Amino acid sequence: MTKDSLRSSEFNLFLTPSDTELTEFIGEVMELGDEFPAIHMMIADDQDALARSKKKLRILDRRYADSKVCDIPCIDLCGTAASAVPHLEQGRPRMSPELVFIFMNLHAYLSRTLEKRIL
């Protein structure tokens, strides 16, 4: 994404961006991300690491639940449920690293603006 795409009609379907300080800030954040693509790669790596840890936790939860189901008498699910650990290939779509970077900076920007108003 570039600063020009921020002002394009494809990016802004309903409204054209106004010429405000916030629009300028978002444009600068987008330029910073374009200048240093390693930022986006690190965000993508963090997203991958978080997805792997959540997947591992879901597998452990499923194994625990399956072991508890096996303890219930008169139910023969142990053979099928314990061996049927699903292989998760593709989950829900993630936010792009570019958008994550924009929202992180936007959160910091708006937090500073709110602090200035309070003080």
N, C-alpha and C. Protein backbone atom coordinates (compact mmCIF):
# COMPACT_ATOMS: atom_id res chain seq x y z
N MET A 1 0.83 -1.18 0.00
CA MET A 1 0.00 0.00 0.00
C MET A 1 0.88 1.24 0.00
N THR A 2 0.51 2.20 -0.77
CA THR A 2 1.25 3.45 -0.80
C THR A 2 0.32 4.58 -0.38
N LYS A 3 0.89 5.74 -0.25
CA LYS A 3 0.10 6.90 0.15
C LYS A 3 -0.95 7.22 -0.91
N ASP A 4 -0.61 6.97 -2.19
CA ASP A 4 -1.57 7.23 -3.26
C ASP A 4 -2.76 6.29 -3.18
N SER A 5 -2.52 5.04 -2.74
CA SER A 5 -3.65 4.10 -2.64
C SER A 5 -4.60 4.52 -1.53
N LEU A 6 -4.09 5.25 -0.53
CA LEU A 6 -4.95 5.76 0.53
C LEU A 6 -5.95 6.76 -0.03
N ARG A 7 -5.54 7.46 -1.04
CA ARG A 7 -6.41 8.48 -1.63
C ARG A 7 -7.22 7.95 -2.83
N SER A 8 -7.02 6.70 -3.21
CA SER A 8 -7.69 6.18 -4.40
C SER A 8 -9.13 5.79 -4.10
N SER A 9 -9.93 5.73 -5.15
CA SER A 9 -11.35 5.41 -4.97
C SER A 9 -11.54 3.92 -4.68
N GLU A 10 -10.61 3.04 -5.09
CA GLU A 10 -10.75 1.62 -4.79
C GLU A 10 -10.55 1.37 -3.30
N PHE A 11 -9.62 2.07 -2.69
CA PHE A 11 -9.33 1.88 -1.27
C PHE A 11 -10.45 2.47 -0.41
N ASN A 12 -10.96 3.61 -0.80
CA ASN A 12 -12.03 4.29 -0.07
C ASN A 12 -13.29 4.22 -0.90
N LEU A 13 -14.08 3.21 -0.66
CA LEU A 13 -15.25 2.95 -1.49
C LEU A 13 -16.31 4.03 -1.35
N PHE A 14 -16.52 4.52 -0.15
CA PHE A 14 -17.62 5.45 0.09
C PHE A 14 -17.17 6.90 0.27
N LEU A 15 -16.07 7.09 0.97
CA LEU A 15 -15.63 8.45 1.27
C LEU A 15 -14.22 8.68 0.76
N THR A 16 -13.98 9.86 0.30
CA THR A 16 -12.61 10.22 -0.01
C THR A 16 -11.97 10.72 1.27
N PRO A 17 -10.71 10.41 1.50
CA PRO A 17 -10.09 10.84 2.76
C PRO A 17 -9.94 12.35 2.80
N SER A 18 -10.24 12.90 3.94
CA SER A 18 -10.09 14.34 4.09
C SER A 18 -8.61 14.67 4.31
N ASP A 19 -8.30 15.90 4.12
CA ASP A 19 -6.92 16.34 4.29
C ASP A 19 -6.74 16.76 5.75
N THR A 20 -6.56 15.76 6.62
CA THR A 20 -6.44 16.02 8.05
C THR A 20 -5.10 15.52 8.56
N GLU A 21 -4.84 15.82 9.81
CA GLU A 21 -3.61 15.36 10.44
C GLU A 21 -3.59 13.83 10.55
N LEU A 22 -4.75 13.24 10.81
CA LEU A 22 -4.84 11.78 10.92
C LEU A 22 -4.54 11.11 9.58
N THR A 23 -5.08 11.64 8.50
CA THR A 23 -4.81 11.08 7.18
C THR A 23 -3.32 11.18 6.85
N GLU A 24 -2.73 12.30 7.21
CA GLU A 24 -1.30 12.47 6.98
C GLU A 24 -0.48 11.48 7.81
N PHE A 25 -0.90 11.26 9.06
CA PHE A 25 -0.21 10.30 9.92
C PHE A 25 -0.28 8.89 9.35
N ILE A 26 -1.46 8.48 8.90
CA ILE A 26 -1.62 7.14 8.32
C ILE A 26 -0.76 7.01 7.06
N GLY A 27 -0.71 8.05 6.27
CA GLY A 27 0.14 8.03 5.07
C GLY A 27 1.61 7.86 5.43
N GLU A 28 2.05 8.55 6.49
CA GLU A 28 3.45 8.42 6.93
C GLU A 28 3.74 7.02 7.44
N VAL A 29 2.77 6.43 8.16
CA VAL A 29 2.94 5.06 8.66
C VAL A 29 3.05 4.10 7.48
N MET A 30 2.24 4.30 6.45
CA MET A 30 2.29 3.43 5.27
C MET A 30 3.63 3.57 4.55
N GLU A 31 4.13 4.81 4.46
CA GLU A 31 5.44 5.02 3.84
C GLU A 31 6.54 4.36 4.65
N LEU A 32 6.45 4.45 5.97
CA LEU A 32 7.44 3.82 6.84
C LEU A 32 7.44 2.30 6.63
N GLY A 33 6.26 1.72 6.52
CA GLY A 33 6.17 0.28 6.26
C GLY A 33 6.73 -0.10 4.91
N ASP A 34 6.53 0.77 3.92
CA ASP A 34 7.09 0.50 2.59
C ASP A 34 8.62 0.62 2.59
N GLU A 35 9.14 1.57 3.38
CA GLU A 35 10.59 1.76 3.46
C GLU A 35 11.29 0.60 4.16
N PHE A 36 10.64 0.06 5.17
CA PHE A 36 11.23 -1.01 5.98
C PHE A 36 10.32 -2.24 5.96
N PRO A 37 10.40 -3.05 4.90
CA PRO A 37 9.53 -4.22 4.80
C PRO A 37 9.82 -5.28 5.86
N ALA A 38 10.95 -5.18 6.54
CA ALA A 38 11.25 -6.14 7.61
C ALA A 38 10.23 -6.04 8.74
N ILE A 39 9.64 -4.85 8.92
CA ILE A 39 8.60 -4.68 9.94
C ILE A 39 7.43 -5.59 9.63
N HIS A 40 7.01 -5.60 8.38
CA HIS A 40 5.87 -6.44 7.99
C HIS A 40 6.21 -7.93 8.12
N MET A 41 7.45 -8.28 7.80
CA MET A 41 7.86 -9.68 7.92
C MET A 41 7.87 -10.12 9.38
N MET A 42 8.32 -9.23 10.28
CA MET A 42 8.32 -9.57 11.70
C MET A 42 6.90 -9.71 12.24
N ILE A 43 5.99 -8.87 11.78
CA ILE A 43 4.59 -8.98 12.20
C ILE A 43 4.01 -10.30 11.71
N ALA A 44 4.31 -10.67 10.46
CA ALA A 44 3.82 -11.95 9.92
C ALA A 44 4.39 -13.13 10.70
N ASP A 45 5.67 -13.04 11.08
CA ASP A 45 6.28 -14.10 11.89
C ASP A 45 5.60 -14.21 13.25
N ASP A 46 5.29 -13.06 13.85
CA ASP A 46 4.58 -13.07 15.14
C ASP A 46 3.19 -13.68 14.99
N GLN A 47 2.51 -13.37 13.90
CA GLN A 47 1.19 -13.96 13.66
C GLN A 47 1.30 -15.48 13.51
N ASP A 48 2.34 -15.94 12.80
CA ASP A 48 2.55 -17.38 12.63
C ASP A 48 2.83 -18.06 13.96
N ALA A 49 3.68 -17.44 14.78
CA ALA A 49 4.01 -18.02 16.09
C ALA A 49 2.77 -18.10 16.98
N LEU A 50 1.96 -17.06 16.96
CA LEU A 50 0.73 -17.07 17.75
C LEU A 50 -0.23 -18.15 17.25
N ALA A 51 -0.34 -18.29 15.94
CA ALA A 51 -1.22 -19.32 15.37
C ALA A 51 -0.74 -20.72 15.75
N ARG A 52 0.58 -20.94 15.71
CA ARG A 52 1.12 -22.25 16.10
C ARG A 52 0.86 -22.55 17.57
N SER A 53 1.02 -21.55 18.43
CA SER A 53 0.78 -21.79 19.87
C SER A 53 -0.69 -22.06 20.14
N LYS A 54 -1.58 -21.34 19.44
CA LYS A 54 -3.01 -21.60 19.62
C LYS A 54 -3.39 -22.98 19.10
N LYS A 55 -2.80 -23.40 17.98
CA LYS A 55 -3.07 -24.73 17.43
C LYS A 55 -2.62 -25.80 18.40
N LYS A 56 -1.44 -25.62 18.98
CA LYS A 56 -0.93 -26.59 19.94
C LYS A 56 -1.86 -26.69 21.16
N LEU A 57 -2.35 -25.54 21.62
CA LEU A 57 -3.27 -25.53 22.76
C LEU A 57 -4.58 -26.22 22.41
N ARG A 58 -5.09 -25.99 21.21
CA ARG A 58 -6.34 -26.66 20.79
C ARG A 58 -6.16 -28.18 20.73
N ILE A 59 -5.01 -28.63 20.24
CA ILE A 59 -4.74 -30.07 20.18
C ILE A 59 -4.67 -30.66 21.57
N LEU A 60 -4.00 -29.96 22.50
CA LEU A 60 -3.93 -30.44 23.88
C LEU A 60 -5.30 -30.46 24.54
N ASP A 61 -6.12 -29.45 24.27
CA ASP A 61 -7.48 -29.43 24.81
C ASP A 61 -8.31 -30.59 24.27
N ARG A 62 -8.15 -30.87 22.97
CA ARG A 62 -8.91 -31.97 22.38
C ARG A 62 -8.46 -33.31 22.99
N ARG A 63 -7.16 -33.49 23.16
CA ARG A 63 -6.67 -34.73 23.77
C ARG A 63 -7.19 -34.89 25.19
N TYR A 64 -7.22 -33.79 25.95
CA TYR A 64 -7.73 -33.85 27.32
C TYR A 64 -9.22 -34.20 27.31
N ALA A 65 -9.99 -33.55 26.45
CA ALA A 65 -11.42 -33.85 26.37
C ALA A 65 -11.66 -35.28 25.93
N ASP A 66 -10.86 -35.76 24.98
CA ASP A 66 -11.01 -37.14 24.53
C ASP A 66 -10.68 -38.12 25.64
N SER A 67 -9.70 -37.80 26.46
CA SER A 67 -9.36 -38.71 27.56
C SER A 67 -10.48 -38.75 28.60
N LYS A 68 -11.19 -37.66 28.78
CA LYS A 68 -12.30 -37.63 29.74
C LYS A 68 -13.51 -38.37 29.19
N VAL A 69 -13.72 -38.31 27.89
CA VAL A 69 -14.83 -39.04 27.28
C VAL A 69 -14.59 -40.54 27.40
N CYS A 70 -13.33 -40.97 27.32
CA CYS A 70 -13.01 -42.39 27.43
C CYS A 70 -13.32 -42.93 28.83
N ASP A 71 -13.37 -42.05 29.83
CA ASP A 71 -13.67 -42.48 31.19
C ASP A 71 -15.15 -42.76 31.41
N ILE A 72 -16.01 -42.30 30.51
CA ILE A 72 -17.45 -42.51 30.67
C ILE A 72 -17.79 -43.93 30.25
N PRO A 73 -18.45 -44.68 31.14
CA PRO A 73 -18.80 -46.06 30.78
C PRO A 73 -19.89 -46.10 29.70
N CYS A 74 -19.94 -47.18 28.97
CA CYS A 74 -20.93 -47.45 27.93
C CYS A 74 -20.79 -46.57 26.69
N ILE A 75 -19.71 -45.82 26.57
CA ILE A 75 -19.48 -45.03 25.37
C ILE A 75 -18.14 -45.46 24.80
N ASP A 76 -18.16 -45.91 23.56
CA ASP A 76 -16.95 -46.40 22.93
C ASP A 76 -16.46 -45.39 21.89
N LEU A 77 -15.94 -44.26 22.36
CA LEU A 77 -15.41 -43.25 21.46
C LEU A 77 -13.89 -43.19 21.51
N CYS A 78 -13.30 -43.94 22.39
CA CYS A 78 -11.85 -43.83 22.60
C CYS A 78 -11.06 -44.13 21.35
N GLY A 79 -11.43 -45.16 20.63
CA GLY A 79 -10.67 -45.55 19.45
C GLY A 79 -10.76 -44.53 18.34
N THR A 80 -11.91 -43.91 18.13
CA THR A 80 -12.06 -42.98 17.02
C THR A 80 -11.64 -41.56 17.37
N ALA A 81 -12.00 -41.08 18.55
CA ALA A 81 -11.73 -39.68 18.89
C ALA A 81 -10.26 -39.44 19.18
N ALA A 82 -9.60 -40.36 19.85
CA ALA A 82 -8.21 -40.14 20.23
C ALA A 82 -7.28 -40.15 19.03
N SER A 83 -7.60 -40.96 18.02
CA SER A 83 -6.72 -41.04 16.87
C SER A 83 -7.06 -40.02 15.78
N ALA A 84 -8.21 -39.38 15.91
CA ALA A 84 -8.65 -38.46 14.87
C ALA A 84 -8.29 -37.02 15.21
N VAL A 85 -7.00 -36.75 15.43
CA VAL A 85 -6.57 -35.38 15.68
C VAL A 85 -6.53 -34.68 14.32
N PRO A 86 -7.31 -33.64 14.15
CA PRO A 86 -7.39 -33.02 12.82
C PRO A 86 -6.10 -32.26 12.46
N HIS A 87 -5.77 -32.31 11.21
CA HIS A 87 -4.64 -31.54 10.70
C HIS A 87 -5.20 -30.22 10.17
N LEU A 88 -4.89 -29.13 10.83
CA LEU A 88 -5.42 -27.84 10.43
C LEU A 88 -4.54 -27.25 9.34
N GLU A 89 -5.11 -27.13 8.17
CA GLU A 89 -4.32 -26.62 7.05
C GLU A 89 -4.42 -25.11 6.92
N GLN A 90 -5.63 -24.59 6.93
CA GLN A 90 -5.81 -23.15 6.76
C GLN A 90 -6.94 -22.72 7.67
N GLY A 91 -6.68 -21.73 8.48
CA GLY A 91 -7.68 -21.23 9.41
C GLY A 91 -8.38 -20.01 8.85
N ARG A 92 -8.89 -19.24 9.77
CA ARG A 92 -9.56 -18.00 9.37
C ARG A 92 -8.54 -17.04 8.79
N PRO A 93 -8.97 -16.20 7.87
CA PRO A 93 -8.03 -15.24 7.30
C PRO A 93 -7.56 -14.24 8.36
N ARG A 94 -6.29 -13.90 8.28
CA ARG A 94 -5.70 -12.96 9.22
C ARG A 94 -5.71 -11.56 8.62
N MET A 95 -5.50 -10.60 9.51
CA MET A 95 -5.26 -9.23 9.02
C MET A 95 -3.89 -9.22 8.37
N SER A 96 -3.76 -8.45 7.33
CA SER A 96 -2.45 -8.35 6.68
C SER A 96 -1.48 -7.64 7.62
N PRO A 97 -0.19 -7.96 7.52
CA PRO A 97 0.79 -7.28 8.37
C PRO A 97 0.77 -5.76 8.21
N GLU A 98 0.44 -5.29 7.00
CA GLU A 98 0.37 -3.85 6.76
C GLU A 98 -0.73 -3.22 7.61
N LEU A 99 -1.90 -3.86 7.65
CA LEU A 99 -3.00 -3.33 8.45
C LEU A 99 -2.70 -3.41 9.94
N VAL A 100 -2.05 -4.48 10.37
CA VAL A 100 -1.67 -4.60 11.78
C VAL A 100 -0.75 -3.44 12.15
N PHE A 101 0.21 -3.14 11.29
CA PHE A 101 1.15 -2.05 11.55
C PHE A 101 0.42 -0.71 11.61
N ILE A 102 -0.51 -0.51 10.70
CA ILE A 102 -1.28 0.75 10.70
C ILE A 102 -2.09 0.86 11.99
N PHE A 103 -2.78 -0.21 12.38
CA PHE A 103 -3.62 -0.15 13.58
C PHE A 103 -2.80 0.00 14.85
N MET A 104 -1.63 -0.63 14.91
CA MET A 104 -0.76 -0.44 16.08
C MET A 104 -0.36 1.02 16.23
N ASN A 105 0.04 1.63 15.15
CA ASN A 105 0.44 3.04 15.19
C ASN A 105 -0.75 3.96 15.42
N LEU A 106 -1.88 3.60 14.84
CA LEU A 106 -3.09 4.39 15.04
C LEU A 106 -3.52 4.36 16.51
N HIS A 107 -3.41 3.20 17.15
CA HIS A 107 -3.73 3.08 18.57
C HIS A 107 -2.82 3.99 19.39
N ALA A 108 -1.53 3.98 19.09
CA ALA A 108 -0.58 4.83 19.82
C ALA A 108 -0.89 6.31 19.58
N TYR A 109 -1.21 6.65 18.34
CA TYR A 109 -1.51 8.04 18.00
C TYR A 109 -2.76 8.52 18.73
N LEU A 110 -3.81 7.72 18.71
CA LEU A 110 -5.06 8.13 19.36
C LEU A 110 -4.92 8.15 20.87
N SER A 111 -4.10 7.27 21.43
CA SER A 111 -3.86 7.28 22.88
C SER A 111 -3.17 8.57 23.29
N ARG A 112 -2.19 9.00 22.51
CA ARG A 112 -1.51 10.27 22.80
C ARG A 112 -2.46 11.44 22.68
N THR A 113 -3.33 11.41 21.67
CA THR A 113 -4.29 12.49 21.48
C THR A 113 -5.25 12.56 22.65
N LEU A 114 -5.70 11.42 23.14
CA LEU A 114 -6.62 11.38 24.27
C LEU A 114 -5.92 11.89 25.54
N GLU A 115 -4.66 11.51 25.73
CA GLU A 115 -3.92 11.99 26.91
C GLU A 115 -3.76 13.51 26.88
N LYS A 116 -3.54 14.06 25.70
CA LYS A 116 -3.40 15.52 25.59
C LYS A 116 -4.71 16.21 25.97
N ARG A 117 -5.84 15.63 25.58
CA ARG A 117 -7.14 16.23 25.91
C ARG A 117 -7.43 16.13 27.40
N ILE A 118 -7.02 15.06 28.03
CA ILE A 118 -7.28 14.88 29.46
C ILE A 118 -6.45 15.85 30.28
N LEU A 119 -5.19 16.03 29.88
CA LEU A 119 -4.31 16.93 30.62
C LEU A 119 -4.61 18.32 30.25
